[in-house]
Amino acid sequence: MNAPKLIKVKEKIADNLVTRNSADKLFDYINSQRDKTIILDFKSVKFATRSFMHEYLLKKSDTRKKITERNMSKELYKMLKIVSESEENKNTQLELTFKSLPLSSKTH
């Protein structure tokens, strides 16, 4: 079994996740990877808007990749949870996964 692909969100996008387009770019990159299991490392990401998180959840529900979030601050997690639980998104609620998976010494 292949080790999960680690993607550092701050390096791929920014430390402030503001637009829906940023989520689109992130998932364009994720979906271009051969790996089926992805770990998104949110270390040093300071802020995310409701719009970004909404698009993130929509894209996450559409992808065939298994995505695990890691190192998400309490503030980011809270925003993600609020968006996930909102009335307008009942059809896109996801089980949020925030466990760290062991990484091999090879990160992609």
C-alpha atoms as a PDB file:
ATOM      1  CA  MET A   1       0.000   0.000   0.000  1.00  0.00           C
ATOM      2  CA  ASN A   2       1.332   3.414  -0.906  1.00  0.00           C
ATOM      3  CA  ALA A   3       1.903   6.057   1.723  1.00  0.00           C
ATOM      4  CA  PRO A   4      -0.558   8.956   1.634  1.00  0.00           C
ATOM      5  CA  LYS A   5       0.414  12.069  -0.275  1.00  0.00           C
ATOM      6  CA  LEU A   6       1.078  15.028   2.013  1.00  0.00           C
ATOM      7  CA  ILE A   7      -0.018  18.423   0.686  1.00  0.00           C
ATOM      8  CA  LYS A   8       0.892  21.531   2.643  1.00  0.00           C
ATOM      9  CA  VAL A   9      -2.031  23.888   2.075  1.00  0.00           C
ATOM     10  CA  LYS A  10      -0.069  27.028   2.954  1.00  0.00           C
ATOM     11  CA  GLU A  11       2.520  26.209   0.268  1.00  0.00           C
ATOM     12  CA  LYS A  12      -0.027  25.262  -2.411  1.00  0.00           C
ATOM     13  CA  ILE A  13      -2.556  28.024  -1.779  1.00  0.00           C
ATOM     14  CA  ALA A  14      -1.836  30.584   0.975  1.00  0.00           C
ATOM     15  CA  ASP A  15      -1.980  31.095   4.720  1.00  0.00           C
ATOM     16  CA  ASN A  16      -5.312  32.912   4.319  1.00  0.00           C
ATOM     17  CA  LEU A  17      -7.931  30.893   2.454  1.00  0.00           C
ATOM     18  CA  VAL A  18     -10.340  33.478   1.180  1.00  0.00           C
ATOM     19  CA  THR A  19     -11.999  32.584  -2.120  1.00  0.00           C
ATOM     20  CA  ARG A  20     -13.961  29.729  -3.622  1.00  0.00           C
ATOM     21  CA  ASN A  21     -11.424  29.824  -6.426  1.00  0.00           C
ATOM     22  CA  SER A  22      -8.701  28.903  -3.917  1.00  0.00           C
ATOM     23  CA  ALA A  23     -10.624  25.747  -2.998  1.00  0.00           C
ATOM     24  CA  ASP A  24     -11.059  24.989  -6.707  1.00  0.00           C
ATOM     25  CA  LYS A  25      -7.305  25.323  -7.261  1.00  0.00           C
ATOM     26  CA  LEU A  26      -6.557  23.100  -4.287  1.00  0.00           C
ATOM     27  CA  PHE A  27      -8.852  20.367  -5.594  1.00  0.00           C
ATOM     28  CA  ASP A  28      -7.571  20.721  -9.148  1.00  0.00           C
ATOM     29  CA  TYR A  29      -4.159  19.889  -7.702  1.00  0.00           C
ATOM     30  CA  ILE A  30      -5.480  17.091  -5.475  1.00  0.00           C
ATOM     31  CA  ASN A  31      -7.380  15.477  -8.327  1.00  0.00           C
ATOM     32  CA  SER A  32      -4.345  15.652 -10.611  1.00  0.00           C
ATOM     33  CA  GLN A  33      -2.389  13.412  -8.204  1.00  0.00           C
ATOM     34  CA  ARG A  34      -2.169   9.662  -8.741  1.00  0.00           C
ATOM     35  CA  ASP A  35      -2.408   9.019  -5.013  1.00  0.00           C
ATOM     36  CA  LYS A  36      -5.798   7.916  -3.746  1.00  0.00           C
ATOM     37  CA  THR A  37      -5.137   8.988  -0.152  1.00  0.00           C
ATOM     38  CA  ILE A  38      -4.291  12.616   0.581  1.00  0.00           C
ATOM     39  CA  ILE A  39      -3.325  14.324   3.817  1.00  0.00           C
ATOM     40  CA  LEU A  40      -3.954  18.061   3.788  1.00  0.00           C
ATOM     41  CA  ASP A  41      -1.656  19.762   6.261  1.00  0.00           C
ATOM     42  CA  PHE A  42      -3.171  23.056   7.404  1.00  0.00           C
ATOM     43  CA  LYS A  43      -0.157  23.975   9.561  1.00  0.00           C
ATOM     44  CA  SER A  44       0.396  27.773   9.554  1.00  0.00           C
ATOM     45  CA  VAL A  45      -2.894  28.464   7.764  1.00  0.00           C
ATOM     46  CA  LYS A  46      -4.251  31.407   9.713  1.00  0.00           C
ATOM     47  CA  PHE A  47      -7.716  32.065   8.324  1.00  0.00           C
ATOM     48  CA  ALA A  48     -10.419  30.670   6.070  1.00  0.00           C
ATOM     49  CA  THR A  49     -13.639  32.304   4.951  1.00  0.00           C
ATOM     50  CA  ARG A  50     -17.025  30.677   4.989  1.00  0.00           C
ATOM     51  CA  SER A  51     -16.976  30.795   1.165  1.00  0.00           C
ATOM     52  CA  PHE A  52     -13.704  28.891   0.998  1.00  0.00           C
ATOM     53  CA  MET A  53     -14.933  26.256   3.460  1.00  0.00           C
ATOM     54  CA  HIS A  54     -18.231  25.838   1.641  1.00  0.00           C
ATOM     55  CA  GLU A  55     -16.470  25.238  -1.671  1.00  0.00           C
ATOM     56  CA  TYR A  56     -13.931  23.000   0.076  1.00  0.00           C
ATOM     57  CA  LEU A  57     -16.714  20.770   1.409  1.00  0.00           C
ATOM     58  CA  LEU A  58     -18.460  20.648  -1.971  1.00  0.00           C
ATOM     59  CA  LYS A  59     -15.238  19.661  -3.731  1.00  0.00           C
ATOM     60  CA  LYS A  60     -14.359  17.143  -1.016  1.00  0.00           C
ATOM     61  CA  SER A  61     -17.732  15.461  -1.439  1.00  0.00           C
ATOM     62  CA  ASP A  62     -17.181  15.251  -5.217  1.00  0.00           C
ATOM     63  CA  THR A  63     -13.682  13.793  -5.230  1.00  0.00           C
ATOM     64  CA  ARG A  64     -12.841  10.100  -5.234  1.00  0.00           C
ATOM     65  CA  LYS A  65      -9.787  10.769  -3.064  1.00  0.00           C
ATOM     66  CA  LYS A  66      -9.694   9.913   0.624  1.00  0.00           C
ATOM     67  CA  ILE A  67      -8.775  13.191   2.271  1.00  0.00           C
ATOM     68  CA  THR A  68      -7.674  13.657   5.860  1.00  0.00           C
ATOM     69  CA  GLU A  69      -7.128  17.093   7.364  1.00  0.00           C
ATOM     70  CA  ARG A  70      -4.255  17.613   9.764  1.00  0.00           C
ATOM     71  CA  ASN A  71      -2.923  20.483  11.897  1.00  0.00           C
ATOM     72  CA  MET A  72      -6.090  22.521  11.491  1.00  0.00           C
ATOM     73  CA  SER A  73      -6.371  25.290  14.079  1.00  0.00           C
ATOM     74  CA  LYS A  74      -9.400  25.458  16.351  1.00  0.00           C
ATOM     75  CA  GLU A  75     -10.624  28.491  14.396  1.00  0.00           C
ATOM     76  CA  LEU A  76     -10.396  26.731  11.030  1.00  0.00           C
ATOM     77  CA  TYR A  77     -12.034  23.609  12.398  1.00  0.00           C
ATOM     78  CA  LYS A  78     -14.843  25.676  13.906  1.00  0.00           C
ATOM     79  CA  MET A  79     -15.523  27.388  10.565  1.00  0.00           C
ATOM     80  CA  LEU A  80     -15.470  24.058   8.731  1.00  0.00           C
ATOM     81  CA  LYS A  81     -17.871  22.543  11.246  1.00  0.00           C
ATOM     82  CA  ILE A  82     -20.244  25.540  11.079  1.00  0.00           C
ATOM     83  CA  VAL A  83     -20.391  25.355   7.308  1.00  0.00           C
ATOM     84  CA  SER A  84     -20.791  21.583   7.369  1.00  0.00           C
ATOM     85  CA  GLU A  85     -23.697  21.794   9.788  1.00  0.00           C
ATOM     86  CA  SER A  86     -25.476  24.754   8.231  1.00  0.00           C
ATOM     87  CA  GLU A  87     -29.027  24.289   7.030  1.00  0.00           C
ATOM     88  CA  GLU A  88     -28.183  25.163   3.435  1.00  0.00           C
ATOM     89  CA  ASN A  89     -25.593  22.397   3.291  1.00  0.00           C
ATOM     90  CA  LYS A  90     -27.504  19.433   4.679  1.00  0.00           C
ATOM     91  CA  ASN A  91     -26.897  17.544   1.447  1.00  0.00           C
ATOM     92  CA  THR A  92     -23.151  18.136   1.588  1.00  0.00           C
ATOM     93  CA  GLN A  93     -22.471  17.285   5.214  1.00  0.00           C
ATOM     94  CA  LEU A  94     -19.405  15.127   5.522  1.00  0.00           C
ATOM     95  CA  GLU A  95     -17.785  13.116   8.194  1.00  0.00           C
ATOM     96  CA  LEU A  96     -14.838  15.318   9.019  1.00  0.00           C
ATOM     97  CA  THR A  97     -11.650  13.350   9.492  1.00  0.00           C
ATOM     98  CA  PHE A  98      -8.855  14.903  11.524  1.00  0.00           C
ATOM     99  CA  LYS A  99      -6.578  12.086  12.472  1.00  0.00           C
ATOM    100  CA  SER A 100      -2.932  11.985  11.657  1.00  0.00           C
ATOM    101  CA  LEU A 101      -1.833   9.058   9.570  1.00  0.00           C
ATOM    102  CA  PRO A 102       1.722   7.809   9.796  1.00  0.00           C
ATOM    103  CA  LEU A 103       3.809   9.131   6.954  1.00  0.00           C
ATOM    104  CA  SER A 104       6.662   7.322   5.373  1.00  0.00           C
ATOM    105  CA  SER A 105       9.979   9.054   5.173  1.00  0.00           C
ATOM    106  CA  LYS A 106       9.107   9.778   1.564  1.00  0.00           C
ATOM    107  CA  THR A 107       6.692  12.676   1.218  1.00  0.00           C
ATOM    108  CA  HIS A 108       5.609  13.761  -2.212  1.00  0.00           C
END
